[in-house]
Amino acid sequence: MYLWIIFGVTMVASLLLHWSLRSKFHKYAQIGLNANLSGAEIAAMMLRDHNLHDVQITCVEGELTDHYHPTHKTVNLSEDVYHGRSAVAAAIAAHECGHAVQHATAYSMLEFRSAMVPLQSISGWVLNIIFIVSFFGAMFLTSFFPMKLVLIVVIAAYSIITLFSLVTLPVEYDASKRAMAWMTQRGVVTHQEESMAKDALNTAALTYVVSALGSVATLMYYVMQYMGMKSDD
């Protein structure tokens, strides 16, 4: 029951934040940027100002699908951000360029998170296998492996996922900090537009905070389960 509560609270909080972010995006997108620059133009300016001439800017389908791909060195902007001429489009475009700057300057937390990607993927795969097998028959799983061993594997996998979630926080906040500092210094946004941009980026960052808290709570649940089994011995 405790685990379902964690999942429920995390899911509801994530949905509310995602709805809030979309609502703010649509609201702020109606207010034209005083500089009359598109997200793509903002991204090009920021990359140029940081001497990043090997990073490409692309337009991708979907809403709020913006991301930076370190392997391909591409800043991928959703259509609304790529073509948008608002403070929120500028903020998201600059934020993704912030990741490109992190990559170029070997920002330690980004490098750490990138190094963790293979482990995080394997951990997710292991957890999926365990949960699928447990769903169809927990007794089948424990007949081959002791429950303590299964819990140790789950705890190890969730520890990696939780660490990945926690490391993501400084990476995202630093990218937003770089974006806002550059936009303010460059005069891309007015004081009012700066407030809207910060609001949108802070709301987006909170989604990562909720995800990290959910991972920590889930990890603690499995640790308590394991400790309870040890105390019964």
Protein backbone atom coordinates (compact mmCIF):
# COMPACT_ATOMS: atom_id res chain seq x y z
CA MET A 1 0.00 0.00 0.00
CA TYR A 2 2.85 2.39 0.89
CA LEU A 3 4.42 1.84 -2.55
CA TRP A 4 1.13 2.56 -4.32
CA ILE A 5 0.79 5.78 -2.32
CA ILE A 6 4.27 6.86 -3.48
CA PHE A 7 3.41 6.10 -7.10
CA GLY A 8 0.05 7.83 -6.78
CA VAL A 9 1.39 11.00 -5.18
CA THR A 10 4.31 11.21 -7.62
CA MET A 11 2.06 10.66 -10.63
CA VAL A 12 -0.51 13.24 -9.51
CA ALA A 13 2.19 15.81 -8.73
CA SER A 14 3.88 15.18 -12.08
CA LEU A 15 0.60 15.52 -13.96
CA LEU A 16 -0.27 18.76 -12.16
CA LEU A 17 3.17 20.24 -12.87
CA HIS A 18 3.02 19.15 -16.50
CA TRP A 19 -0.44 20.72 -16.82
CA SER A 20 0.84 23.91 -15.14
CA LEU A 21 3.84 24.04 -17.49
CA ARG A 22 1.66 23.59 -20.58
CA SER A 23 -0.78 26.20 -19.27
CA LYS A 24 2.01 28.72 -18.70
CA PHE A 25 3.57 27.93 -22.06
CA HIS A 26 0.30 28.61 -23.88
CA LYS A 27 -0.35 31.73 -21.80
CA TYR A 28 3.10 33.27 -22.25
CA ALA A 29 3.31 32.17 -25.88
CA GLN A 30 0.54 34.68 -26.66
CA ILE A 31 2.78 37.55 -25.53
CA GLY A 32 5.23 38.49 -28.26
CA LEU A 33 8.91 38.92 -27.43
CA ASN A 34 9.95 42.56 -27.57
CA ALA A 35 13.11 41.57 -29.47
CA ASN A 36 10.93 39.72 -32.02
CA LEU A 37 13.33 36.77 -32.21
CA SER A 38 12.28 33.15 -32.71
CA GLY A 39 13.47 30.32 -30.48
CA ALA A 40 15.72 29.11 -33.30
CA GLU A 41 17.27 32.57 -33.66
CA ILE A 42 17.77 32.81 -29.89
CA ALA A 43 19.50 29.42 -29.89
CA ALA A 44 21.74 30.41 -32.79
CA MET A 45 22.73 33.62 -31.01
CA MET A 46 23.56 31.87 -27.74
CA LEU A 47 25.59 29.15 -29.45
CA ARG A 48 27.46 31.75 -31.49
CA ASP A 49 28.19 33.86 -28.42
CA HIS A 50 29.72 30.78 -26.75
CA ASN A 51 31.74 29.88 -29.88
CA LEU A 52 29.84 26.63 -30.37
CA HIS A 53 29.91 26.36 -34.15
CA ASP A 54 29.64 22.55 -34.30
CA VAL A 55 26.21 22.33 -32.64
CA GLN A 56 23.22 22.04 -34.95
CA ILE A 57 19.71 23.36 -34.25
CA THR A 58 16.84 21.14 -35.37
CA CYS A 59 13.05 21.27 -35.22
CA VAL A 60 11.31 18.19 -33.81
CA GLU A 61 7.66 17.18 -33.60
CA GLY A 62 5.61 17.24 -30.44
CA GLU A 63 4.95 19.64 -27.57
CA LEU A 64 7.62 20.30 -24.93
CA THR A 65 9.87 17.73 -26.62
CA ASP A 66 12.87 20.06 -26.51
CA HIS A 67 16.20 18.47 -25.62
CA TYR A 68 19.93 18.53 -26.26
CA HIS A 69 21.58 15.43 -27.70
CA PRO A 70 25.25 15.33 -26.59
CA THR A 71 26.28 12.51 -28.93
CA HIS A 72 24.93 14.20 -32.06
CA LYS A 73 25.57 17.70 -30.71
CA THR A 74 22.10 18.90 -31.65
CA VAL A 75 19.77 21.34 -29.90
CA ASN A 76 16.36 19.89 -30.72
CA LEU A 77 13.50 22.35 -30.37
CA SER A 78 9.79 21.58 -30.60
CA GLU A 79 7.90 23.37 -33.36
CA ASP A 80 6.30 25.89 -30.98
CA VAL A 81 9.69 26.80 -29.51
CA TYR A 82 11.61 26.72 -32.80
CA HIS A 83 9.18 29.15 -34.48
CA GLY A 84 7.83 30.86 -31.35
CA ARG A 85 8.60 34.51 -30.65
CA SER A 86 7.81 34.71 -26.93
CA ALA A 87 9.69 34.82 -23.65
CA VAL A 88 8.90 31.18 -22.90
CA ALA A 89 10.14 30.05 -26.34
CA ALA A 90 13.32 32.06 -25.81
CA ALA A 91 13.79 30.58 -22.32
CA ILE A 92 13.38 26.96 -23.45
CA ALA A 93 15.66 27.47 -26.45
CA ALA A 94 18.32 29.10 -24.29
CA HIS A 95 17.95 26.38 -21.65
CA GLU A 96 18.70 23.64 -24.18
CA CYS A 97 21.68 25.66 -25.40
CA GLY A 98 22.73 25.80 -21.76
CA HIS A 99 23.18 22.03 -21.93
CA ALA A 100 25.32 22.47 -25.05
CA VAL A 101 27.50 24.94 -23.15
CA GLN A 102 27.74 22.48 -20.25
CA HIS A 103 28.88 19.81 -22.69
CA ALA A 104 31.45 22.07 -24.32
CA THR A 105 32.88 23.20 -20.98
CA ALA A 106 32.92 19.66 -19.53
CA TYR A 107 30.51 20.54 -16.72
CA SER A 108 31.23 17.83 -14.14
CA MET A 109 27.63 16.97 -13.22
CA LEU A 110 26.63 16.59 -16.88
CA GLU A 111 29.61 14.32 -17.51
CA PHE A 112 28.71 12.28 -14.44
CA ARG A 113 25.09 11.93 -15.57
CA SER A 114 26.18 10.96 -19.10
CA ALA A 115 28.49 8.29 -17.67
CA MET A 116 25.55 6.94 -15.65
CA VAL A 117 23.22 6.56 -18.64
CA PRO A 118 24.23 2.93 -19.46
CA LEU A 119 23.89 1.89 -15.79
CA GLN A 120 20.56 3.68 -15.51
CA SER A 121 19.27 1.89 -18.61
CA ILE A 122 20.40 -1.52 -17.33
CA SER A 123 18.85 -0.83 -13.92
CA GLY A 124 15.53 0.07 -15.53
CA TRP A 125 15.64 -3.12 -17.62
CA VAL A 126 16.39 -5.27 -14.55
CA LEU A 127 13.56 -3.69 -12.55
CA ASN A 128 11.11 -4.20 -15.42
CA ILE A 129 12.00 -7.90 -15.63
CA ILE A 130 11.62 -8.37 -11.86
CA PHE A 131 8.31 -6.51 -11.69
CA ILE A 132 6.87 -8.35 -14.72
CA VAL A 133 7.84 -11.75 -13.32
CA SER A 134 6.53 -10.76 -9.86
CA PHE A 135 3.24 -9.59 -11.36
CA PHE A 136 2.61 -12.93 -13.03
CA GLY A 137 3.84 -14.95 -10.08
CA ALA A 138 5.92 -13.79 -7.14
CA MET A 139 6.20 -17.37 -5.88
CA PHE A 140 7.71 -18.39 -9.22
CA LEU A 141 10.42 -15.75 -8.79
CA THR A 142 11.19 -16.60 -5.15
CA SER A 143 11.35 -20.30 -5.95
CA PHE A 144 14.51 -19.61 -7.94
CA PHE A 145 15.92 -16.69 -5.95
CA PRO A 146 15.65 -15.90 -2.20
CA MET A 147 13.46 -12.88 -1.49
CA LYS A 148 16.36 -11.13 0.22
CA LEU A 149 18.48 -11.47 -2.90
CA VAL A 150 15.65 -10.09 -5.04
CA LEU A 151 15.31 -7.10 -2.69
CA ILE A 152 19.07 -6.48 -2.78
CA VAL A 153 18.97 -6.39 -6.58
CA VAL A 154 15.94 -4.05 -6.53
CA ILE A 155 17.65 -1.76 -3.99
CA ALA A 156 20.86 -1.68 -6.06
CA ALA A 157 18.94 -0.86 -9.25
CA TYR A 158 16.81 1.80 -7.56
CA SER A 159 19.92 3.32 -5.97
CA ILE A 160 21.35 3.92 -9.44
CA ILE A 161 18.07 5.33 -10.75
CA THR A 162 17.72 7.56 -7.69
CA LEU A 163 21.28 8.83 -8.00
CA PHE A 164 20.64 9.56 -11.69
CA SER A 165 17.51 11.54 -10.75
CA LEU A 166 19.38 13.51 -8.10
CA VAL A 167 22.30 14.29 -10.42
CA THR A 168 19.82 15.53 -13.01
CA LEU A 169 18.70 18.33 -10.69
CA PRO A 170 21.91 20.41 -10.69
CA VAL A 171 22.30 19.76 -14.43
CA GLU A 172 18.84 21.20 -15.18
CA TYR A 173 19.08 24.11 -12.75
CA ASP A 174 22.54 25.05 -14.02
CA ALA A 175 21.30 25.03 -17.64
CA SER A 176 18.46 27.38 -16.66
CA LYS A 177 20.87 29.62 -14.74
CA ARG A 178 23.15 29.86 -17.78
CA ALA A 179 20.17 30.59 -20.02
CA MET A 180 18.79 33.38 -17.85
CA ALA A 181 22.21 34.95 -17.31
CA TRP A 182 22.91 35.03 -21.04
CA MET A 183 19.46 36.37 -22.01
CA THR A 184 19.69 39.14 -19.41
CA GLN A 185 23.24 40.10 -20.36
CA ARG A 186 22.43 40.01 -24.09
CA GLY A 187 19.29 42.09 -23.59
CA VAL A 188 17.14 39.46 -25.28
CA VAL A 189 14.35 39.86 -22.71
CA THR A 190 12.85 42.83 -20.91
CA HIS A 191 12.34 42.79 -17.14
CA GLN A 192 8.75 41.58 -17.53
CA GLU A 193 9.77 38.93 -20.07
CA GLU A 194 12.55 37.80 -17.74
CA SER A 195 9.96 37.09 -15.02
CA MET A 196 7.87 35.00 -17.41
CA ALA A 197 10.93 33.08 -18.61
CA LYS A 198 12.03 32.31 -15.04
CA ASP A 199 8.53 31.19 -14.10
CA ALA A 200 8.37 28.74 -17.00
CA LEU A 201 11.85 27.32 -16.34
CA ASN A 202 11.23 26.97 -12.59
CA THR A 203 8.01 25.06 -13.23
CA ALA A 204 9.82 22.75 -15.65
CA ALA A 205 12.58 22.18 -13.06
CA LEU A 206 10.02 21.18 -10.43
CA THR A 207 9.04 18.17 -12.55
CA TYR A 208 12.58 16.84 -12.04
CA VAL A 209 12.36 17.56 -8.31
CA VAL A 210 9.15 15.52 -8.01
CA SER A 211 10.70 12.67 -9.97
CA ALA A 212 13.77 12.65 -7.72
CA LEU A 213 11.66 12.71 -4.54
CA GLY A 214 9.56 9.83 -5.86
CA SER A 215 12.72 7.81 -6.55
CA VAL A 216 14.11 8.52 -3.07
CA ALA A 217 10.81 7.54 -1.40
CA THR A 218 10.59 4.30 -3.41
CA LEU A 219 14.19 3.42 -2.60
CA MET A 220 13.54 4.01 1.10
CA TYR A 221 10.51 1.73 0.92
CA TYR A 222 12.56 -1.18 -0.41
CA VAL A 223 15.35 -0.52 2.09
CA MET A 224 12.81 -0.65 4.93
CA GLN A 225 11.38 -3.88 3.50
CA TYR A 226 14.85 -5.42 3.49
CA MET A 227 15.64 -4.19 7.01
CA GLY A 228 12.33 -5.62 8.22
CA MET A 229 13.21 -9.03 6.77
CA LYS A 230 16.63 -8.93 8.45
CA SER A 231 15.11 -8.10 11.83
CA ASP A 232 12.80 -11.11 11.52
CA ASP A 233 15.76 -13.49 11.18
